[in-house]
N, C-alpha and C. Protein backbone atom coordinates (compact mmCIF):
# COMPACT_ATOMS: atom_id res chain seq x y z
N MET A 1 116.03 95.56 122.80
CA MET A 1 116.37 95.84 121.41
C MET A 1 115.10 95.85 120.57
N THR A 2 114.96 96.85 119.74
CA THR A 2 113.81 96.95 118.85
C THR A 2 113.95 95.95 117.71
N ARG A 3 112.91 95.20 117.48
CA ARG A 3 112.94 94.19 116.41
C ARG A 3 112.55 94.86 115.09
N PRO A 4 113.13 94.40 113.99
CA PRO A 4 112.83 95.00 112.68
C PRO A 4 111.41 94.69 112.22
N GLU A 5 110.92 95.57 111.38
CA GLU A 5 109.58 95.42 110.82
C GLU A 5 109.60 94.43 109.66
N LEU A 6 108.44 93.83 109.41
CA LEU A 6 108.29 92.93 108.26
C LEU A 6 108.49 93.70 106.96
N LEU A 7 109.10 93.04 106.00
CA LEU A 7 109.25 93.59 104.66
C LEU A 7 108.25 92.89 103.76
N GLU A 8 107.53 93.66 103.01
CA GLU A 8 106.53 93.07 102.12
C GLU A 8 106.50 93.86 100.82
N GLY A 9 105.77 93.36 99.88
CA GLY A 9 105.49 94.08 98.64
C GLY A 9 106.71 94.48 97.86
N ALA A 10 106.70 95.75 97.41
CA ALA A 10 107.71 96.25 96.49
C ALA A 10 109.12 96.17 97.06
N ALA A 11 109.29 96.46 98.34
CA ALA A 11 110.63 96.43 98.93
C ALA A 11 111.23 95.03 98.86
N LEU A 12 110.44 94.03 99.17
CA LEU A 12 110.93 92.66 99.13
C LEU A 12 111.13 92.20 97.69
N GLU A 13 110.22 92.55 96.81
CA GLU A 13 110.35 92.18 95.39
C GLU A 13 111.60 92.81 94.77
N GLN A 14 111.88 94.05 95.14
CA GLN A 14 113.07 94.73 94.62
C GLN A 14 114.33 94.01 95.09
N TRP A 15 114.38 93.62 96.37
CA TRP A 15 115.54 92.91 96.88
C TRP A 15 115.70 91.57 96.16
N LEU A 16 114.62 90.84 96.00
CA LEU A 16 114.68 89.55 95.30
C LEU A 16 115.17 89.71 93.87
N GLY A 17 114.76 90.77 93.21
CA GLY A 17 115.21 91.03 91.84
C GLY A 17 116.70 91.26 91.75
N ALA A 18 117.27 91.82 92.81
CA ALA A 18 118.70 92.08 92.85
C ALA A 18 119.50 90.88 93.37
N HIS A 19 118.81 89.86 93.87
CA HIS A 19 119.46 88.68 94.45
C HIS A 19 118.79 87.41 93.89
N PRO A 20 119.06 87.11 92.63
CA PRO A 20 118.33 86.02 91.97
C PRO A 20 118.59 84.62 92.52
N ALA A 21 119.60 84.45 93.34
CA ALA A 21 119.85 83.13 93.93
C ALA A 21 118.82 82.80 95.02
N TRP A 22 118.12 83.81 95.49
CA TRP A 22 117.13 83.64 96.57
C TRP A 22 115.73 83.60 96.01
N GLN A 23 114.89 82.82 96.66
CA GLN A 23 113.47 82.74 96.31
C GLN A 23 112.63 82.97 97.56
N LEU A 24 111.42 83.42 97.35
CA LEU A 24 110.48 83.55 98.45
C LEU A 24 109.53 82.35 98.38
N ARG A 25 109.55 81.53 99.43
CA ARG A 25 108.69 80.35 99.50
C ARG A 25 107.97 80.34 100.84
N ASP A 26 106.67 80.33 100.80
CA ASP A 26 105.86 80.29 102.03
C ASP A 26 106.28 81.37 103.02
N GLY A 27 106.61 82.54 102.52
CA GLY A 27 106.97 83.65 103.39
C GLY A 27 108.38 83.61 103.94
N HIS A 28 109.21 82.72 103.40
CA HIS A 28 110.60 82.58 103.86
C HIS A 28 111.53 82.79 102.67
N LEU A 29 112.70 83.35 102.94
CA LEU A 29 113.74 83.41 101.92
C LEU A 29 114.45 82.06 101.87
N VAL A 30 114.67 81.55 100.68
CA VAL A 30 115.30 80.23 100.52
C VAL A 30 116.39 80.32 99.46
N ARG A 31 117.53 79.74 99.81
CA ARG A 31 118.60 79.55 98.83
C ARG A 31 119.13 78.14 98.97
N GLU A 32 119.25 77.47 97.84
CA GLU A 32 119.80 76.12 97.81
C GLU A 32 121.12 76.15 97.06
N LEU A 33 122.11 75.47 97.63
CA LEU A 33 123.44 75.42 97.04
C LEU A 33 123.87 73.97 96.87
N ARG A 34 124.59 73.72 95.80
CA ARG A 34 125.26 72.42 95.61
C ARG A 34 126.74 72.71 95.59
N THR A 35 127.49 71.86 96.26
CA THR A 35 128.94 71.99 96.26
C THR A 35 129.57 70.81 95.54
N SER A 36 130.83 70.96 95.22
CA SER A 36 131.52 69.92 94.46
C SER A 36 131.83 68.69 95.30
N ASP A 37 131.85 68.86 96.62
CA ASP A 37 132.11 67.72 97.51
C ASP A 37 131.55 68.02 98.90
N TYR A 38 131.40 66.96 99.67
CA TYR A 38 130.80 67.08 101.00
C TYR A 38 131.63 67.94 101.96
N PRO A 39 132.96 67.76 102.00
CA PRO A 39 133.74 68.62 102.91
C PRO A 39 133.55 70.11 102.62
N SER A 40 133.40 70.48 101.36
CA SER A 40 133.17 71.89 101.02
C SER A 40 131.84 72.38 101.57
N SER A 41 130.84 71.53 101.55
CA SER A 41 129.54 71.90 102.12
C SER A 41 129.68 72.23 103.60
N ILE A 42 130.39 71.39 104.31
CA ILE A 42 130.55 71.58 105.76
C ILE A 42 131.43 72.79 106.05
N GLU A 43 132.47 73.00 105.26
CA GLU A 43 133.31 74.19 105.45
C GLU A 43 132.51 75.47 105.21
N LEU A 44 131.67 75.45 104.19
CA LEU A 44 130.82 76.61 103.91
C LEU A 44 129.86 76.86 105.07
N LEU A 45 129.24 75.82 105.54
CA LEU A 45 128.32 75.95 106.66
C LEU A 45 129.04 76.52 107.88
N THR A 46 130.23 76.04 108.15
CA THR A 46 131.01 76.52 109.29
C THR A 46 131.35 78.01 109.13
N ALA A 47 131.68 78.43 107.91
CA ALA A 47 131.99 79.84 107.66
C ALA A 47 130.80 80.74 107.92
N LEU A 48 129.61 80.20 107.84
CA LEU A 48 128.40 81.01 108.01
C LEU A 48 127.95 81.13 109.46
N VAL A 49 128.70 80.52 110.36
CA VAL A 49 128.40 80.69 111.79
C VAL A 49 128.69 82.12 112.22
N GLU A 50 129.79 82.69 111.75
CA GLU A 50 130.19 84.03 112.18
C GLU A 50 129.10 85.08 111.90
N PRO A 51 128.59 85.19 110.67
CA PRO A 51 127.54 86.21 110.49
C PRO A 51 126.27 85.91 111.29
N ALA A 52 125.96 84.65 111.50
CA ALA A 52 124.78 84.32 112.29
C ALA A 52 124.95 84.82 113.72
N GLU A 53 126.12 84.61 114.29
CA GLU A 53 126.37 85.08 115.65
C GLU A 53 126.46 86.60 115.72
N ARG A 54 127.12 87.20 114.74
CA ARG A 54 127.27 88.66 114.71
C ARG A 54 125.92 89.35 114.62
N LEU A 55 125.04 88.81 113.79
CA LEU A 55 123.71 89.40 113.60
C LEU A 55 122.71 88.93 114.65
N ASP A 56 123.10 87.93 115.42
CA ASP A 56 122.18 87.27 116.36
C ASP A 56 120.91 86.85 115.61
N HIS A 57 121.16 86.23 114.45
CA HIS A 57 120.07 85.80 113.58
C HIS A 57 120.53 84.53 112.88
N HIS A 58 119.80 83.45 113.07
CA HIS A 58 120.27 82.13 112.68
C HIS A 58 119.33 81.48 111.68
N PRO A 59 119.88 80.99 110.57
CA PRO A 59 119.05 80.36 109.55
C PRO A 59 118.65 78.94 109.94
N VAL A 60 117.64 78.46 109.27
CA VAL A 60 117.33 77.03 109.31
C VAL A 60 118.11 76.44 108.15
N VAL A 61 118.92 75.43 108.42
CA VAL A 61 119.79 74.85 107.40
C VAL A 61 119.52 73.35 107.29
N SER A 62 119.39 72.89 106.06
CA SER A 62 119.31 71.46 105.78
C SER A 62 120.59 71.08 105.05
N VAL A 63 121.21 69.99 105.49
CA VAL A 63 122.46 69.54 104.89
C VAL A 63 122.24 68.16 104.30
N GLY A 64 122.62 68.01 103.05
CA GLY A 64 122.61 66.71 102.39
C GLY A 64 123.97 66.50 101.76
N TYR A 65 124.13 65.42 101.04
CA TYR A 65 125.41 65.17 100.38
C TYR A 65 125.61 66.22 99.29
N CYS A 66 126.57 67.09 99.49
CA CYS A 66 126.91 68.17 98.56
C CYS A 66 125.77 69.17 98.36
N GLN A 67 124.87 69.26 99.30
CA GLN A 67 123.74 70.18 99.19
C GLN A 67 123.49 70.89 100.51
N LEU A 68 123.21 72.17 100.40
CA LEU A 68 122.82 72.98 101.54
C LEU A 68 121.56 73.75 101.16
N ARG A 69 120.65 73.85 102.10
CA ARG A 69 119.44 74.65 101.89
C ARG A 69 119.30 75.59 103.07
N PHE A 70 119.28 76.89 102.78
CA PHE A 70 119.14 77.92 103.81
C PHE A 70 117.75 78.50 103.73
N GLU A 71 117.13 78.61 104.87
CA GLU A 71 115.79 79.18 104.96
C GLU A 71 115.82 80.27 106.03
N LEU A 72 115.41 81.46 105.64
CA LEU A 72 115.47 82.62 106.51
C LEU A 72 114.10 83.26 106.69
N TRP A 73 113.77 83.54 107.92
CA TRP A 73 112.65 84.39 108.27
C TRP A 73 112.83 84.77 109.73
N THR A 74 112.25 85.86 110.11
CA THR A 74 112.37 86.32 111.49
C THR A 74 111.20 85.72 112.26
N HIS A 75 111.51 84.73 113.07
CA HIS A 75 110.49 83.92 113.72
C HIS A 75 109.51 84.75 114.53
N ASP A 76 110.00 85.70 115.32
CA ASP A 76 109.10 86.46 116.17
C ASP A 76 108.29 87.50 115.41
N ARG A 77 108.62 87.72 114.13
CA ARG A 77 107.83 88.62 113.28
C ARG A 77 106.96 87.83 112.29
N GLY A 78 107.26 86.56 112.14
CA GLY A 78 106.45 85.72 111.25
C GLY A 78 106.65 85.99 109.77
N GLY A 79 107.82 86.50 109.41
CA GLY A 79 108.10 86.77 108.01
C GLY A 79 109.49 87.34 107.83
N VAL A 80 109.74 87.89 106.67
CA VAL A 80 111.05 88.39 106.30
C VAL A 80 111.23 89.83 106.80
N THR A 81 112.39 90.06 107.42
CA THR A 81 112.77 91.40 107.88
C THR A 81 114.16 91.74 107.36
N ARG A 82 114.62 92.92 107.70
CA ARG A 82 115.96 93.35 107.31
C ARG A 82 117.04 92.39 107.83
N LEU A 83 116.81 91.78 108.99
CA LEU A 83 117.77 90.80 109.51
C LEU A 83 117.99 89.66 108.52
N ASP A 84 116.93 89.21 107.91
CA ASP A 84 117.04 88.11 106.94
C ASP A 84 117.84 88.55 105.72
N LEU A 85 117.56 89.77 105.25
CA LEU A 85 118.30 90.27 104.09
C LEU A 85 119.78 90.44 104.42
N ASP A 86 120.07 90.94 105.62
CA ASP A 86 121.47 91.11 106.03
C ASP A 86 122.21 89.77 106.06
N TYR A 87 121.54 88.74 106.62
CA TYR A 87 122.19 87.43 106.66
C TYR A 87 122.35 86.87 105.25
N ALA A 88 121.33 87.00 104.43
CA ALA A 88 121.40 86.50 103.05
C ALA A 88 122.54 87.17 102.29
N GLU A 89 122.70 88.46 102.48
CA GLU A 89 123.78 89.17 101.80
C GLU A 89 125.14 88.73 102.32
N ALA A 90 125.25 88.47 103.61
CA ALA A 90 126.50 87.95 104.17
C ALA A 90 126.81 86.57 103.60
N LEU A 91 125.80 85.73 103.49
CA LEU A 91 125.97 84.39 102.90
C LEU A 91 126.45 84.52 101.46
N ASP A 92 125.80 85.38 100.68
CA ASP A 92 126.19 85.56 99.28
C ASP A 92 127.64 86.03 99.17
N GLU A 93 128.04 86.93 100.03
CA GLU A 93 129.41 87.45 100.02
C GLU A 93 130.42 86.35 100.33
N ILE A 94 130.14 85.54 101.31
CA ILE A 94 131.05 84.45 101.68
C ILE A 94 131.15 83.43 100.55
N VAL A 95 130.02 83.10 99.95
CA VAL A 95 130.04 82.16 98.82
C VAL A 95 130.88 82.74 97.68
N ALA A 96 130.66 84.01 97.35
CA ALA A 96 131.35 84.61 96.21
C ALA A 96 132.84 84.78 96.44
N THR A 97 133.23 85.09 97.67
CA THR A 97 134.65 85.41 97.92
C THR A 97 135.48 84.23 98.38
N ARG A 98 134.83 83.26 99.03
CA ARG A 98 135.62 82.16 99.60
C ARG A 98 135.28 80.78 99.06
N PHE A 99 134.12 80.62 98.46
CA PHE A 99 133.68 79.30 98.06
C PHE A 99 133.22 79.19 96.62
N ALA A 100 133.46 80.21 95.82
CA ALA A 100 132.98 80.20 94.44
C ALA A 100 133.49 78.99 93.66
N ALA A 101 134.71 78.56 93.94
CA ALA A 101 135.28 77.41 93.22
C ALA A 101 134.62 76.10 93.58
N PHE A 102 133.89 76.07 94.71
CA PHE A 102 133.30 74.82 95.20
C PHE A 102 131.78 74.75 95.01
N VAL A 103 131.17 75.89 94.68
CA VAL A 103 129.72 75.94 94.52
C VAL A 103 129.38 75.64 93.06
N VAL A 104 128.50 74.67 92.87
CA VAL A 104 128.07 74.27 91.54
C VAL A 104 126.79 75.04 91.22
N ALA A 105 126.71 75.61 90.05
CA ALA A 105 125.52 76.37 89.64
C ALA A 105 124.29 75.46 89.72
N THR A 106 123.22 76.03 90.25
CA THR A 106 121.96 75.26 90.34
C THR A 106 120.95 75.78 89.36
């Protein structure tokens, strides 16, 4: 399978402008979420297994009490690729459609 190319410059900046919940930190896409309770955090995390498996692309996730931190980059490319954007968009869709009532604005 051909691996995607790194995204840099204007293409990445344009995507970030359209997805303000995400930030670029140390060459990785990062989104932090707070939920109203711990069970909601775990349910959200569980819901995000499906897109990770479907895309064969898995985030680095930190879990705290009512907090989730997602960090995306394509390890074998050493930066952000289309795979990361696809996963980020899937995460955003799941949050908006299934967990909006449980996610606290950060």
